[in-house]
Amino acid sequence: MRIESIYYLRFAAMLLVVFVHVTGTFSTTLPLESGAYEKYHFINRIARIEAGIFIMITGLVFFYNLFPKTLNKFTLKDYYKKRVTFIIIPYLIWALFYEMYSVATGDRSLAITEIPQRILTGTSYYQLHFIFLIVQFYLFLPLFVYAAQSSIWLRKYLWLVGFVIEYIYYFLNLKFGFVEFSLFFNSLSTFLLGGWFGIYYVQQRKKAYSNSNWLLGIVTLLFGSLAAVYYYQVYEMNNYYFAWDPYKLISMIFLFIGSLFFFRLAEWAAQTASNKITEHIKRVALYSFGFYLIHPFILKEAARFIPMHSNYLFHIDIVLRYITVVVLCYLVIFTVHKLSPKAASLLFGKMPPEAVFLLSPYRNRSK
């Protein structure tokens, strides 16, 4: 059984991550204490649910594919070969590109000795920390799958184990400072939630029409709003101080419940929508990894031609930039894919053998 909802999740997360980075300019354009600054801060924080969705997708897809298999040397060899080809190689290519791009744009001075460290810690450019995080999950995923295969209790409560470990790790690292870069434990809750979905996918997909989905949506909005307001009042405005900072817990609940809600929503969409709609969604969603890699470059170049104003025109500027970045990202990836599928796979991750344009007529292949 194919998981059609994956394409809807990737589509949503892809558009949201671009939205987060496009609207992020509010912090350097709008006056700090203005109402517009507060509103854009709010929607920007809410949109960060994309981080949880992307991580959840990773756990969902690979647990779904690996959990039924025996983890022998042949399975693992094939697994790691594909990860190197479709994840690590594109990451290295773009990390090096952004290292050179940062020097060319004057954002960073050339220091060759610092480049390896930035690549190894995902700090060559602001979005690459997330890809670095995904790479870590890929490296250790077989261990999680093996543990779940070996313990009925663990696979039953995989979502809970991930939540507890992430929360404990956060405070231990805060106190003892184990690592300074982003380690996969920081996102373990949504990853193992996705893994739990992958193991029990057949049962979970049946809940797409559950009445509890409304409650999940309300709770997601509630904790997302709480996280956004808290961050604004405590970290932006410095209006409050807490001896015990609850932000991590609030943020974790937001991403966890929000990812669960979007999984249900995506399943509902996949089961409700026509094959034609799903096919068009899929055509864009297949480029989601490429979007993540290339959109900061497209955004920075687009900013040269679409300036930001600090008045009412700011809203129009945001819309223009967002549409421009999304369209150009798609066109660039599609063009490379059309000209050379092999080159596209090296640059943007796994690609289908043939590039089909978004607006091309849909053909029902089942007939």
Protein backbone atom coordinates (compact mmCIF):
# COMPACT_ATOMS: atom_id res chain seq x y z
CA MET A 1 0.00 0.00 0.00
CA ARG A 2 1.38 3.41 -1.00
CA ILE A 3 1.09 6.30 1.44
CA GLU A 4 -0.48 8.97 -0.76
CA SER A 5 -0.80 11.37 2.16
CA ILE A 6 3.01 11.77 2.14
CA TYR A 7 2.73 14.00 -0.90
CA TYR A 8 0.22 16.27 0.82
CA LEU A 9 2.45 16.49 3.89
CA ARG A 10 5.52 17.31 1.82
CA PHE A 11 3.57 19.85 -0.20
CA ALA A 12 2.34 21.63 2.93
CA ALA A 13 5.70 21.53 4.72
CA MET A 14 7.52 22.76 1.61
CA LEU A 15 5.26 25.79 1.21
CA LEU A 16 5.40 26.54 4.93
CA VAL A 17 9.20 26.51 5.15
CA VAL A 18 9.43 28.99 2.27
CA PHE A 19 6.76 31.10 3.99
CA VAL A 20 8.74 31.11 7.25
CA HIS A 21 11.90 32.36 5.58
CA VAL A 22 10.14 34.89 3.35
CA THR A 23 8.18 36.45 6.21
CA GLY A 24 11.24 36.33 8.48
CA THR A 25 12.31 39.69 7.06
CA PHE A 26 9.75 41.35 9.35
CA SER A 27 12.33 41.27 12.14
CA THR A 28 14.72 43.58 10.29
CA THR A 29 12.18 45.71 8.39
CA LEU A 30 9.28 46.54 10.72
CA PRO A 31 9.54 48.62 13.92
CA LEU A 32 9.94 46.34 16.94
CA GLU A 33 6.96 47.61 18.93
CA SER A 34 4.57 48.02 16.00
CA GLY A 35 1.38 46.03 15.65
CA ALA A 36 2.54 44.73 12.27
CA TYR A 37 5.76 43.37 13.82
CA GLU A 38 3.75 41.52 16.46
CA LYS A 39 1.33 40.05 13.90
CA TYR A 40 4.05 38.88 11.53
CA HIS A 41 5.98 37.42 14.45
CA PHE A 42 2.87 35.46 15.38
CA ILE A 43 2.16 33.98 11.95
CA ASN A 44 5.85 33.29 11.38
CA ARG A 45 6.03 31.28 14.60
CA ILE A 46 2.81 29.39 13.87
CA ALA A 47 4.10 28.42 10.42
CA ARG A 48 7.10 26.72 12.03
CA ILE A 49 4.98 23.63 12.40
CA GLU A 50 6.75 22.70 9.14
CA ALA A 51 9.77 21.55 11.16
CA GLY A 52 7.72 18.94 12.98
CA ILE A 53 6.02 17.81 9.77
CA PHE A 54 9.31 17.29 7.92
CA ILE A 55 10.78 15.26 10.79
CA MET A 56 7.59 13.24 11.16
CA ILE A 57 7.64 12.41 7.44
CA THR A 58 11.18 11.06 7.81
CA GLY A 59 10.17 8.69 10.59
CA LEU A 60 6.93 7.68 8.87
CA VAL A 61 8.43 6.79 5.48
CA PHE A 62 11.42 4.85 6.71
CA PHE A 63 9.74 2.96 9.53
CA TYR A 64 6.97 2.01 7.10
CA ASN A 65 9.53 0.66 4.63
CA LEU A 66 12.09 -0.85 7.01
CA PHE A 67 10.06 -2.17 9.94
CA PRO A 68 8.62 -5.22 8.07
CA LYS A 69 12.10 -6.17 6.78
CA THR A 70 14.86 -8.20 8.36
CA LEU A 71 17.77 -5.87 9.03
CA ASN A 72 20.57 -7.96 7.56
CA LYS A 73 23.72 -6.71 5.84
CA PHE A 74 22.04 -6.67 2.42
CA THR A 75 19.13 -4.54 3.62
CA LEU A 76 21.43 -2.14 5.43
CA LYS A 77 23.84 -1.89 2.50
CA ASP A 78 21.00 -0.93 0.17
CA TYR A 79 19.58 1.49 2.74
CA TYR A 80 22.84 3.37 3.35
CA LYS A 81 23.74 3.40 -0.35
CA LYS A 82 20.50 5.22 -1.16
CA ARG A 83 20.97 7.67 1.73
CA VAL A 84 24.47 8.57 0.52
CA THR A 85 23.30 8.99 -3.06
CA PHE A 86 20.10 10.93 -2.48
CA ILE A 87 20.74 12.81 0.78
CA ILE A 88 24.39 13.18 1.74
CA ILE A 89 25.73 14.00 -1.74
CA PRO A 90 23.14 16.77 -2.38
CA TYR A 91 23.81 18.11 1.11
CA LEU A 92 27.56 18.29 0.51
CA ILE A 93 27.09 19.92 -2.90
CA TRP A 94 24.82 22.63 -1.53
CA ALA A 95 26.89 23.16 1.61
CA LEU A 96 29.90 23.90 -0.59
CA PHE A 97 27.77 26.08 -2.87
CA TYR A 98 26.51 28.17 0.05
CA GLU A 99 30.04 28.47 1.43
CA MET A 100 31.12 30.05 -1.87
CA TYR A 101 27.89 32.02 -2.19
CA SER A 102 28.32 33.55 1.26
CA VAL A 103 31.81 34.72 0.33
CA ALA A 104 30.62 36.08 -3.03
CA THR A 105 27.81 38.09 -1.41
CA GLY A 106 30.05 39.43 1.34
CA ASP A 107 28.19 37.67 4.14
CA ARG A 108 31.30 35.76 5.17
CA SER A 109 35.02 36.08 4.65
CA LEU A 110 36.92 33.20 3.11
CA ALA A 111 38.42 30.94 5.79
CA ILE A 112 39.08 27.53 4.28
CA THR A 113 39.97 25.92 7.61
CA GLU A 114 36.48 26.71 9.00
CA ILE A 115 34.56 25.17 6.09
CA PRO A 116 34.84 21.48 7.14
CA GLN A 117 33.56 22.26 10.64
CA ARG A 118 30.56 24.16 9.30
CA ILE A 119 29.73 21.36 6.88
CA LEU A 120 30.01 18.75 9.64
CA THR A 121 27.71 20.75 11.93
CA GLY A 122 25.19 21.94 9.34
CA THR A 123 26.01 25.63 9.68
CA SER A 124 27.19 26.49 6.15
CA TYR A 125 23.86 28.29 5.63
CA TYR A 126 20.87 28.90 7.81
CA GLN A 127 18.60 26.16 6.44
CA LEU A 128 21.23 23.41 6.26
CA HIS A 129 21.11 22.65 9.98
CA PHE A 130 17.84 20.88 9.26
CA ILE A 131 19.33 18.72 6.51
CA PHE A 132 22.19 17.93 8.87
CA LEU A 133 19.59 16.82 11.41
CA ILE A 134 17.89 14.58 8.83
CA VAL A 135 21.25 13.01 7.97
CA GLN A 136 21.71 12.10 11.63
CA PHE A 137 18.31 10.40 11.71
CA TYR A 138 19.18 8.43 8.59
CA LEU A 139 22.43 7.23 10.16
CA PHE A 140 20.77 5.98 13.34
CA LEU A 141 17.37 4.97 11.95
CA PRO A 142 18.16 1.23 11.66
CA LEU A 143 18.94 1.15 15.39
CA PHE A 144 15.52 2.61 16.21
CA VAL A 145 13.82 0.18 13.83
CA TYR A 146 15.68 -2.79 15.33
CA ALA A 147 14.75 -1.71 18.86
CA ALA A 148 11.09 -1.40 17.85
CA GLN A 149 11.19 -4.82 16.18
CA SER A 150 12.63 -6.34 19.34
CA SER A 151 10.18 -4.86 21.86
CA ILE A 152 6.40 -4.93 21.65
CA TRP A 153 6.18 -2.37 24.46
CA LEU A 154 8.58 0.01 22.74
CA ARG A 155 6.80 0.03 19.40
CA LYS A 156 3.46 0.45 21.13
CA TYR A 157 4.66 3.54 23.03
CA LEU A 158 7.25 4.76 20.55
CA TRP A 159 5.66 8.23 20.40
CA LEU A 160 5.80 8.59 24.19
CA VAL A 161 9.40 7.38 24.45
CA GLY A 162 10.49 9.93 21.87
CA PHE A 163 8.75 12.78 23.70
CA VAL A 164 10.25 11.88 27.09
CA ILE A 165 13.79 11.38 25.77
CA GLU A 166 13.76 14.67 23.86
CA TYR A 167 12.58 16.59 26.92
CA ILE A 168 15.13 14.98 29.25
CA TYR A 169 17.96 15.50 26.75
CA TYR A 170 17.07 19.17 26.39
CA PHE A 171 17.52 19.86 30.11
CA LEU A 172 20.63 17.72 30.47
CA ASN A 173 22.26 19.45 27.52
CA LEU A 174 21.18 22.83 28.89
CA LYS A 175 22.86 22.05 32.21
CA PHE A 176 25.97 20.18 31.09
CA GLY A 177 26.42 21.43 27.51
CA PHE A 178 27.11 18.11 25.80
CA VAL A 179 27.03 19.53 22.27
CA GLU A 180 26.71 23.02 20.82
CA PHE A 181 25.28 21.99 17.45
CA SER A 182 21.85 20.56 16.64
CA LEU A 183 21.71 16.89 17.62
CA PHE A 184 18.87 14.58 16.54
CA PHE A 185 17.66 14.20 20.13
CA ASN A 186 16.27 17.74 19.81
CA SER A 187 13.59 16.46 17.41
CA LEU A 188 13.14 12.89 18.60
CA SER A 189 9.48 13.28 19.61
CA THR A 190 8.12 14.04 16.13
CA PHE A 191 10.54 11.58 14.51
CA LEU A 192 9.36 8.65 16.63
CA LEU A 193 5.76 9.82 16.27
CA GLY A 194 6.29 9.40 12.53
CA GLY A 195 7.89 6.01 13.18
CA TRP A 196 4.82 4.99 15.20
CA PHE A 197 2.62 6.04 12.27
CA GLY A 198 4.82 3.95 9.97
CA ILE A 199 4.41 0.84 12.12
CA TYR A 200 0.67 1.23 12.63
CA TYR A 201 -0.15 3.03 9.39
CA VAL A 202 -3.06 0.79 8.39
CA GLN A 203 -4.81 1.43 11.71
CA GLN A 204 -3.94 5.12 11.86
CA ARG A 205 -5.13 5.99 8.35
CA LYS A 206 -8.63 4.92 9.39
CA LYS A 207 -8.75 7.88 11.79
CA ALA A 208 -8.74 10.41 8.94
CA TYR A 209 -12.45 11.04 9.52
CA SER A 210 -12.37 10.89 13.32
CA ASN A 211 -14.31 13.59 15.19
CA SER A 212 -11.25 14.05 17.42
CA ASN A 213 -9.48 15.76 14.53
CA TRP A 214 -11.33 18.96 15.33
CA LEU A 215 -9.96 18.82 18.88
CA LEU A 216 -6.43 18.18 17.55
CA GLY A 217 -6.74 21.24 15.33
CA ILE A 218 -7.90 23.42 18.22
CA VAL A 219 -5.11 22.17 20.52
CA THR A 220 -2.54 22.77 17.76
CA LEU A 221 -3.72 26.34 17.30
CA LEU A 222 -3.85 26.88 21.07
CA PHE A 223 -0.29 25.70 21.76
CA GLY A 224 1.02 27.31 18.59
CA SER A 225 -0.46 30.62 19.72
CA LEU A 226 0.86 30.14 23.23
CA ALA A 227 4.36 29.40 21.89
CA ALA A 228 4.27 32.45 19.60
CA VAL A 229 3.01 34.86 22.28
CA TYR A 230 5.41 33.46 24.88
CA TYR A 231 8.40 33.85 22.58
CA TYR A 232 7.40 37.40 21.70
CA GLN A 233 6.83 38.55 25.28
CA VAL A 234 9.80 36.76 26.87
CA TYR A 235 12.51 36.67 24.22
CA GLU A 236 11.63 39.61 21.97
CA MET A 237 10.25 42.18 24.40
CA ASN A 238 11.85 40.88 27.65
CA ASN A 239 8.63 41.60 29.52
CA TYR A 240 8.77 38.50 31.69
CA TYR A 241 11.34 36.22 33.27
CA PHE A 242 10.81 32.67 34.53
CA ALA A 243 13.21 30.72 36.72
CA TRP A 244 11.95 27.60 34.95
CA ASP A 245 11.48 28.32 31.29
CA PRO A 246 8.50 26.31 29.94
CA TYR A 247 9.03 27.30 26.29
CA LYS A 248 10.63 23.99 25.24
CA LEU A 249 7.69 22.00 26.62
CA ILE A 250 5.15 24.32 24.98
CA SER A 251 6.99 24.13 21.67
CA MET A 252 7.27 20.34 21.84
CA ILE A 253 3.54 19.93 22.47
CA PHE A 254 2.79 22.30 19.58
CA LEU A 255 4.99 20.39 17.13
CA PHE A 256 3.85 16.98 18.39
CA ILE A 257 0.10 17.62 18.35
CA GLY A 258 0.42 19.72 15.21
CA SER A 259 2.23 16.94 13.36
CA LEU A 260 -0.42 14.46 14.45
CA PHE A 261 -3.14 16.84 13.24
CA PHE A 262 -1.48 17.39 9.86
CA PHE A 263 -1.05 13.64 9.41
CA ARG A 264 -4.78 13.15 9.92
CA LEU A 265 -5.55 16.13 7.67
CA ALA A 266 -3.26 14.83 4.92
CA GLU A 267 -4.85 11.39 5.14
CA TRP A 268 -8.29 12.94 4.85
CA ALA A 269 -7.16 14.95 1.80
CA ALA A 270 -5.54 11.92 0.14
CA GLN A 271 -8.62 9.77 0.69
CA THR A 272 -11.05 12.48 -0.40
CA ALA A 273 -9.31 14.15 -3.35
CA SER A 274 -9.52 12.88 -6.89
CA ASN A 275 -6.59 11.12 -8.56
CA LYS A 276 -6.10 14.22 -10.71
CA ILE A 277 -5.59 16.51 -7.72
CA THR A 278 -3.30 14.03 -5.98
CA GLU A 279 -1.21 13.70 -9.14
CA HIS A 280 -0.71 17.47 -9.38
CA ILE A 281 0.15 17.69 -5.68
CA LYS A 282 2.64 14.86 -6.16
CA ARG A 283 4.37 16.63 -9.06
CA VAL A 284 5.29 19.51 -6.78
CA ALA A 285 5.84 17.49 -3.60
CA LEU A 286 8.51 15.35 -5.29
CA TYR A 287 10.62 18.52 -5.40
CA SER A 288 10.21 19.29 -1.68
CA PHE A 289 13.80 18.34 -0.77
CA GLY A 290 15.07 20.47 -3.65
CA PHE A 291 12.91 23.37 -2.45
CA TYR A 292 14.49 23.16 0.96
CA LEU A 293 17.99 23.18 -0.47
CA ILE A 294 17.63 25.93 -3.07
CA HIS A 295 15.02 28.37 -1.73
CA PRO A 296 17.41 30.53 0.40
CA PHE A 297 19.48 31.25 -2.72
CA ILE A 298 16.37 32.09 -4.78
CA LEU A 299 15.02 34.21 -1.92
CA LYS A 300 18.21 36.24 -1.53
CA GLU A 301 18.42 36.87 -5.27
CA ALA A 302 14.73 37.75 -5.50
CA ALA A 303 15.22 40.26 -2.67
CA ARG A 304 17.50 42.26 -4.95
CA PHE A 305 14.55 43.02 -7.22
CA ILE A 306 11.69 43.06 -4.70
CA PRO A 307 12.67 45.46 -1.91
CA MET A 308 10.88 45.58 1.44
CA HIS A 309 9.11 48.70 2.68
CA SER A 310 8.42 49.41 6.33
CA ASN A 311 4.93 50.77 5.64
CA TYR A 312 1.70 49.26 4.32
CA LEU A 313 3.53 48.13 1.16
CA PHE A 314 5.30 45.51 3.28
CA HIS A 315 2.29 43.20 2.93
CA ILE A 316 2.39 43.44 -0.86
CA ASP A 317 6.16 42.91 -0.88
CA ILE A 318 5.77 39.72 1.16
CA VAL A 319 3.18 38.29 -1.23
CA LEU A 320 5.30 39.14 -4.27
CA ARG A 321 8.44 37.63 -2.78
CA TYR A 322 6.64 34.50 -1.67
CA ILE A 323 5.03 33.83 -5.04
CA THR A 324 8.28 34.63 -6.85
CA VAL A 325 10.37 32.29 -4.70
CA VAL A 326 7.93 29.38 -4.92
CA VAL A 327 7.51 29.68 -8.69
CA LEU A 328 11.23 30.12 -9.41
CA CYS A 329 12.21 27.22 -7.14
CA TYR A 330 9.82 24.94 -8.98
CA LEU A 331 10.91 26.12 -12.43
CA VAL A 332 14.63 25.76 -11.66
CA ILE A 333 14.26 22.24 -10.24
CA PHE A 334 11.90 21.18 -13.05
CA THR A 335 14.26 22.52 -15.71
CA VAL A 336 17.25 20.64 -14.30
CA HIS A 337 15.09 17.54 -13.92
CA LYS A 338 13.87 17.85 -17.52
CA LEU A 339 17.36 18.32 -18.94
CA SER A 340 19.08 15.66 -16.82
CA PRO A 341 17.27 13.46 -14.28
CA LYS A 342 20.64 12.14 -13.04
CA ALA A 343 21.97 15.64 -12.37
CA ALA A 344 18.69 16.54 -10.68
CA SER A 345 19.01 13.55 -8.34
CA LEU A 346 22.53 14.59 -7.39
CA LEU A 347 21.44 18.16 -6.71
CA PHE A 348 17.94 17.74 -5.30
CA GLY A 349 17.63 14.18 -4.04
CA LYS A 350 15.71 11.25 -5.49
CA MET A 351 13.75 12.11 -8.63
CA PRO A 352 11.38 10.15 -10.87
CA PRO A 353 12.89 9.09 -14.21
CA GLU A 354 10.74 11.59 -16.13
CA ALA A 355 9.95 15.25 -15.42
CA VAL A 356 6.26 16.06 -15.80
CA PHE A 357 5.27 19.73 -15.62
CA LEU A 358 2.74 20.77 -13.00
CA LEU A 359 0.20 22.01 -15.55
CA SER A 360 0.52 19.06 -17.94
CA PRO A 361 -2.77 17.17 -18.46
CA TYR A 362 -3.31 14.33 -16.04
CA ARG A 363 -3.48 10.86 -17.54
CA ASN A 364 -5.11 8.05 -15.61
CA ARG A 365 -2.50 5.31 -15.95
CA SER A 366 -4.80 2.68 -14.51
CA LYS A 367 -6.84 2.65 -17.69
